[in-house]
Each structure stands twice: as C-alpha cells, then as structure tokens.
Amino acid sequence: MDETEARLSPDWWESLTGEQLQEMTRGGLEAGEYGAGAHREIERRARERARLEQQETEVQKKGFRLRTLTVLEVLMLIALLIMLLIR
C-alpha cells in the first residue's frame, strides 16, 4: 500500500481530528479527494454520534421505566401487607 492509499484508508480518516477535517473541507475544490473524504468522514461521525445518543436515550428510558415499576411493585406489596394486617 503506498502513501496515498494509506491516507485514503478508513483508519487514516478516523485518526484525524475534527479541526483537521474542517480544514480539509475549507479547501473546497482545490482539496480534491481529500476535501470530499473529509466531508464524508464528518458526516459519518455525526451519524455515529446521533446513533450513540439515541441508544443512550433508550437506555435512560428503560432505566426510568424499571425504577417506576419497582416503586409501584413495592407500593402494591405494602398495600397488600396493610390489607392482610387489617383483616
């Protein structure tokens, strides 16, 4: 693999910082393949970030539901215990 192929590999794009990618996209048409590749990498990172945020939101919702159900279960058990003691 020569240097140009190595630079266009997914690993190379992932190793670049956000600032480096932005500088490449600012180059416009003069940046050629690097500008287009930088733009694709920025979009890929944005999609990945959105996917991770969505997963985190789903985990938080499931945790909230689980805690709510646990509290309701405890309250029902307490109510049942009180009913048994009153009889």
N, C-alpha and C. Protein backbone atom coordinates (compact mmCIF):
# COMPACT_ATOMS: atom_id res chain seq x y z
N MET A 1 0.85 -1.17 0.00
CA MET A 1 0.00 0.00 0.00
C MET A 1 0.90 1.23 0.00
N ASP A 2 0.70 2.10 -0.95
CA ASP A 2 1.53 3.30 -0.99
C ASP A 2 0.95 4.38 -0.06
N GLU A 3 1.64 5.50 0.03
CA GLU A 3 1.25 6.55 0.97
C GLU A 3 -0.13 7.13 0.67
N THR A 4 -0.45 7.31 -0.60
CA THR A 4 -1.76 7.87 -0.98
C THR A 4 -2.88 6.92 -0.58
N GLU A 5 -2.71 5.62 -0.84
CA GLU A 5 -3.73 4.66 -0.45
C GLU A 5 -3.89 4.61 1.06
N ALA A 6 -2.77 4.71 1.78
CA ALA A 6 -2.83 4.70 3.23
C ALA A 6 -3.58 5.93 3.74
N ARG A 7 -3.40 7.07 3.08
CA ARG A 7 -4.09 8.29 3.50
C ARG A 7 -5.59 8.22 3.23
N LEU A 8 -6.00 7.45 2.27
CA LEU A 8 -7.41 7.37 1.96
C LEU A 8 -8.10 6.19 2.66
N SER A 9 -7.37 5.48 3.51
CA SER A 9 -7.95 4.33 4.21
C SER A 9 -8.88 4.82 5.33
N PRO A 10 -9.85 4.01 5.69
CA PRO A 10 -10.77 4.40 6.78
C PRO A 10 -10.03 4.69 8.09
N ASP A 11 -9.00 3.91 8.37
CA ASP A 11 -8.24 4.14 9.61
C ASP A 11 -7.60 5.52 9.62
N TRP A 12 -7.08 5.92 8.48
CA TRP A 12 -6.42 7.23 8.41
C TRP A 12 -7.45 8.34 8.64
N TRP A 13 -8.62 8.22 8.00
CA TRP A 13 -9.65 9.26 8.16
C TRP A 13 -10.09 9.33 9.62
N GLU A 14 -10.26 8.18 10.27
CA GLU A 14 -10.70 8.16 11.66
C GLU A 14 -9.66 8.75 12.61
N SER A 15 -8.40 8.70 12.21
CA SER A 15 -7.34 9.22 13.08
C SER A 15 -7.25 10.74 13.07
N LEU A 16 -7.89 11.38 12.10
CA LEU A 16 -7.82 12.84 12.00
C LEU A 16 -8.74 13.49 13.03
N THR A 17 -8.32 14.66 13.50
CA THR A 17 -9.15 15.41 14.44
C THR A 17 -10.23 16.16 13.67
N GLY A 18 -11.20 16.64 14.40
CA GLY A 18 -12.26 17.43 13.79
C GLY A 18 -11.74 18.68 13.11
N GLU A 19 -10.75 19.32 13.73
CA GLU A 19 -10.16 20.53 13.15
C GLU A 19 -9.46 20.21 11.83
N GLN A 20 -8.74 19.10 11.79
CA GLN A 20 -8.06 18.73 10.55
C GLN A 20 -9.07 18.47 9.43
N LEU A 21 -10.15 17.81 9.76
CA LEU A 21 -11.18 17.54 8.75
C LEU A 21 -11.82 18.84 8.26
N GLN A 22 -12.08 19.76 9.18
CA GLN A 22 -12.68 21.03 8.79
C GLN A 22 -11.75 21.83 7.89
N GLU A 23 -10.47 21.80 8.18
CA GLU A 23 -9.51 22.50 7.32
C GLU A 23 -9.51 21.91 5.92
N MET A 24 -9.62 20.60 5.82
CA MET A 24 -9.65 19.96 4.50
C MET A 24 -10.90 20.35 3.72
N THR A 25 -12.03 20.43 4.42
CA THR A 25 -13.26 20.78 3.71
C THR A 25 -13.26 22.25 3.30
N ARG A 26 -12.56 23.09 4.03
CA ARG A 26 -12.47 24.51 3.66
C ARG A 26 -11.69 24.70 2.37
N GLY A 27 -10.89 23.72 2.03
CA GLY A 27 -10.09 23.83 0.80
C GLY A 27 -10.93 23.83 -0.46
N GLY A 28 -12.19 23.43 -0.34
CA GLY A 28 -13.09 23.45 -1.49
C GLY A 28 -12.63 22.52 -2.59
N LEU A 29 -12.80 22.96 -3.82
CA LEU A 29 -12.44 22.12 -4.98
C LEU A 29 -10.95 21.83 -5.04
N GLU A 30 -10.14 22.75 -4.53
CA GLU A 30 -8.69 22.52 -4.56
C GLU A 30 -8.29 21.33 -3.70
N ALA A 31 -9.09 21.02 -2.69
CA ALA A 31 -8.77 19.90 -1.79
C ALA A 31 -8.97 18.56 -2.48
N GLY A 32 -9.75 18.56 -3.55
CA GLY A 32 -9.95 17.34 -4.33
C GLY A 32 -10.52 16.21 -3.50
N GLU A 33 -9.93 15.03 -3.65
CA GLU A 33 -10.40 13.84 -2.96
C GLU A 33 -10.32 13.99 -1.45
N TYR A 34 -9.34 14.73 -0.97
CA TYR A 34 -9.21 14.92 0.47
C TYR A 34 -10.38 15.72 1.03
N GLY A 35 -10.81 16.73 0.32
CA GLY A 35 -11.95 17.53 0.77
C GLY A 35 -13.22 16.71 0.81
N ALA A 36 -13.46 15.92 -0.24
CA ALA A 36 -14.64 15.07 -0.29
C ALA A 36 -14.57 13.99 0.79
N GLY A 37 -13.40 13.42 0.97
CA GLY A 37 -13.23 12.40 2.00
C GLY A 37 -13.43 12.97 3.40
N ALA A 38 -12.93 14.18 3.61
CA ALA A 38 -13.10 14.83 4.91
C ALA A 38 -14.58 15.08 5.18
N HIS A 39 -15.28 15.50 4.15
CA HIS A 39 -16.72 15.75 4.29
C HIS A 39 -17.45 14.45 4.64
N ARG A 40 -17.11 13.37 3.97
CA ARG A 40 -17.73 12.07 4.26
C ARG A 40 -17.43 11.62 5.69
N GLU A 41 -16.20 11.85 6.13
CA GLU A 41 -15.83 11.44 7.49
C GLU A 41 -16.58 12.26 8.53
N ILE A 42 -16.75 13.56 8.28
CA ILE A 42 -17.51 14.40 9.20
C ILE A 42 -18.95 13.90 9.28
N GLU A 43 -19.54 13.58 8.14
CA GLU A 43 -20.91 13.06 8.13
C GLU A 43 -21.01 11.72 8.85
N ARG A 44 -20.01 10.85 8.65
CA ARG A 44 -20.02 9.54 9.31
C ARG A 44 -19.96 9.72 10.83
N ARG A 45 -19.11 10.64 11.28
CA ARG A 45 -19.00 10.88 12.72
C ARG A 45 -20.29 11.45 13.29
N ALA A 46 -20.95 12.32 12.54
CA ALA A 46 -22.21 12.89 13.00
C ALA A 46 -23.29 11.80 13.12
N ARG A 47 -23.34 10.91 12.13
CA ARG A 47 -24.31 9.81 12.18
C ARG A 47 -24.01 8.90 13.37
N GLU A 48 -22.75 8.60 13.59
CA GLU A 48 -22.35 7.74 14.70
C GLU A 48 -22.71 8.39 16.04
N ARG A 49 -22.46 9.69 16.16
CA ARG A 49 -22.78 10.41 17.40
C ARG A 49 -24.30 10.38 17.63
N ALA A 50 -25.08 10.61 16.59
CA ALA A 50 -26.54 10.59 16.71
C ALA A 50 -27.03 9.21 17.13
N ARG A 51 -26.44 8.18 16.56
CA ARG A 51 -26.82 6.80 16.90
C ARG A 51 -26.50 6.51 18.37
N LEU A 52 -25.34 6.93 18.83
CA LEU A 52 -24.96 6.69 20.22
C LEU A 52 -25.85 7.46 21.18
N GLU A 53 -26.20 8.71 20.81
CA GLU A 53 -27.09 9.50 21.65
C GLU A 53 -28.48 8.86 21.73
N GLN A 54 -28.95 8.32 20.62
CA GLN A 54 -30.25 7.65 20.60
C GLN A 54 -30.21 6.41 21.49
N GLN A 55 -29.14 5.65 21.42
CA GLN A 55 -29.01 4.46 22.27
C GLN A 55 -28.99 4.86 23.74
N GLU A 56 -28.28 5.93 24.07
CA GLU A 56 -28.19 6.39 25.46
C GLU A 56 -29.57 6.82 25.95
N THR A 57 -30.32 7.50 25.10
CA THR A 57 -31.68 7.93 25.47
C THR A 57 -32.56 6.72 25.74
N GLU A 58 -32.46 5.69 24.90
CA GLU A 58 -33.25 4.48 25.09
C GLU A 58 -32.88 3.79 26.39
N VAL A 59 -31.59 3.74 26.72
CA VAL A 59 -31.15 3.12 27.97
C VAL A 59 -31.71 3.89 29.16
N GLN A 60 -31.67 5.23 29.08
CA GLN A 60 -32.21 6.05 30.17
C GLN A 60 -33.71 5.83 30.34
N LYS A 61 -34.44 5.74 29.23
CA LYS A 61 -35.89 5.50 29.30
C LYS A 61 -36.18 4.14 29.92
N LYS A 62 -35.43 3.12 29.54
CA LYS A 62 -35.64 1.78 30.11
C LYS A 62 -35.35 1.78 31.60
N GLY A 63 -34.29 2.49 32.00
CA GLY A 63 -33.95 2.58 33.42
C GLY A 63 -35.05 3.27 34.21
N PHE A 64 -35.60 4.35 33.64
CA PHE A 64 -36.68 5.07 34.30
C PHE A 64 -37.91 4.17 34.45
N ARG A 65 -38.24 3.45 33.38
CA ARG A 65 -39.39 2.53 33.43
C ARG A 65 -39.18 1.45 34.50
N LEU A 66 -37.97 0.92 34.55
CA LEU A 66 -37.67 -0.14 35.52
C LEU A 66 -37.79 0.39 36.96
N ARG A 67 -37.26 1.58 37.21
CA ARG A 67 -37.36 2.16 38.55
C ARG A 67 -38.83 2.44 38.91
N THR A 68 -39.60 2.94 37.95
CA THR A 68 -41.01 3.22 38.19
C THR A 68 -41.77 1.95 38.51
N LEU A 69 -41.54 0.90 37.74
CA LEU A 69 -42.21 -0.37 38.01
C LEU A 69 -41.81 -0.95 39.36
N THR A 70 -40.56 -0.79 39.73
CA THR A 70 -40.09 -1.29 41.02
C THR A 70 -40.79 -0.56 42.16
N VAL A 71 -40.92 0.76 42.04
CA VAL A 71 -41.60 1.54 43.08
C VAL A 71 -43.06 1.13 43.17
N LEU A 72 -43.70 0.95 42.02
CA LEU A 72 -45.11 0.53 42.02
C LEU A 72 -45.27 -0.85 42.66
N GLU A 73 -44.36 -1.75 42.38
CA GLU A 73 -44.41 -3.08 42.96
C GLU A 73 -44.27 -3.02 44.48
N VAL A 74 -43.35 -2.22 44.95
CA VAL A 74 -43.16 -2.07 46.40
C VAL A 74 -44.41 -1.48 47.03
N LEU A 75 -45.00 -0.48 46.38
CA LEU A 75 -46.22 0.13 46.91
C LEU A 75 -47.36 -0.88 46.96
N MET A 76 -47.48 -1.70 45.94
CA MET A 76 -48.53 -2.73 45.92
C MET A 76 -48.31 -3.74 47.03
N LEU A 77 -47.05 -4.14 47.26
CA LEU A 77 -46.76 -5.10 48.33
C LEU A 77 -47.08 -4.50 49.69
N ILE A 78 -46.77 -3.22 49.87
CA ILE A 78 -47.08 -2.55 51.14
C ILE A 78 -48.60 -2.51 51.34
N ALA A 79 -49.33 -2.15 50.26
CA ALA A 79 -50.79 -2.10 50.35
C ALA A 79 -51.35 -3.48 50.68
N LEU A 80 -50.81 -4.54 50.07
CA LEU A 80 -51.26 -5.89 50.35
C LEU A 80 -50.98 -6.27 51.80
N LEU A 81 -49.83 -5.92 52.29
CA LEU A 81 -49.46 -6.21 53.67
C LEU A 81 -50.41 -5.49 54.63
N ILE A 82 -50.71 -4.25 54.34
CA ILE A 82 -51.62 -3.49 55.21
C ILE A 82 -52.99 -4.13 55.20
N MET A 83 -53.47 -4.57 54.01
CA MET A 83 -54.78 -5.21 53.92
C MET A 83 -54.81 -6.51 54.73
N LEU A 84 -53.72 -7.25 54.69
CA LEU A 84 -53.67 -8.51 55.44
C LEU A 84 -53.66 -8.25 56.95
N LEU A 85 -52.98 -7.20 57.37
CA LEU A 85 -52.90 -6.89 58.80
C LEU A 85 -54.24 -6.33 59.33
N ILE A 86 -54.98 -5.66 58.48
CA ILE A 86 -56.26 -5.08 58.91
C ILE A 86 -57.30 -6.18 59.11
N ARG A 87 -57.27 -7.22 58.33
CA ARG A 87 -58.25 -8.32 58.44
C ARG A 87 -58.07 -8.98 59.73
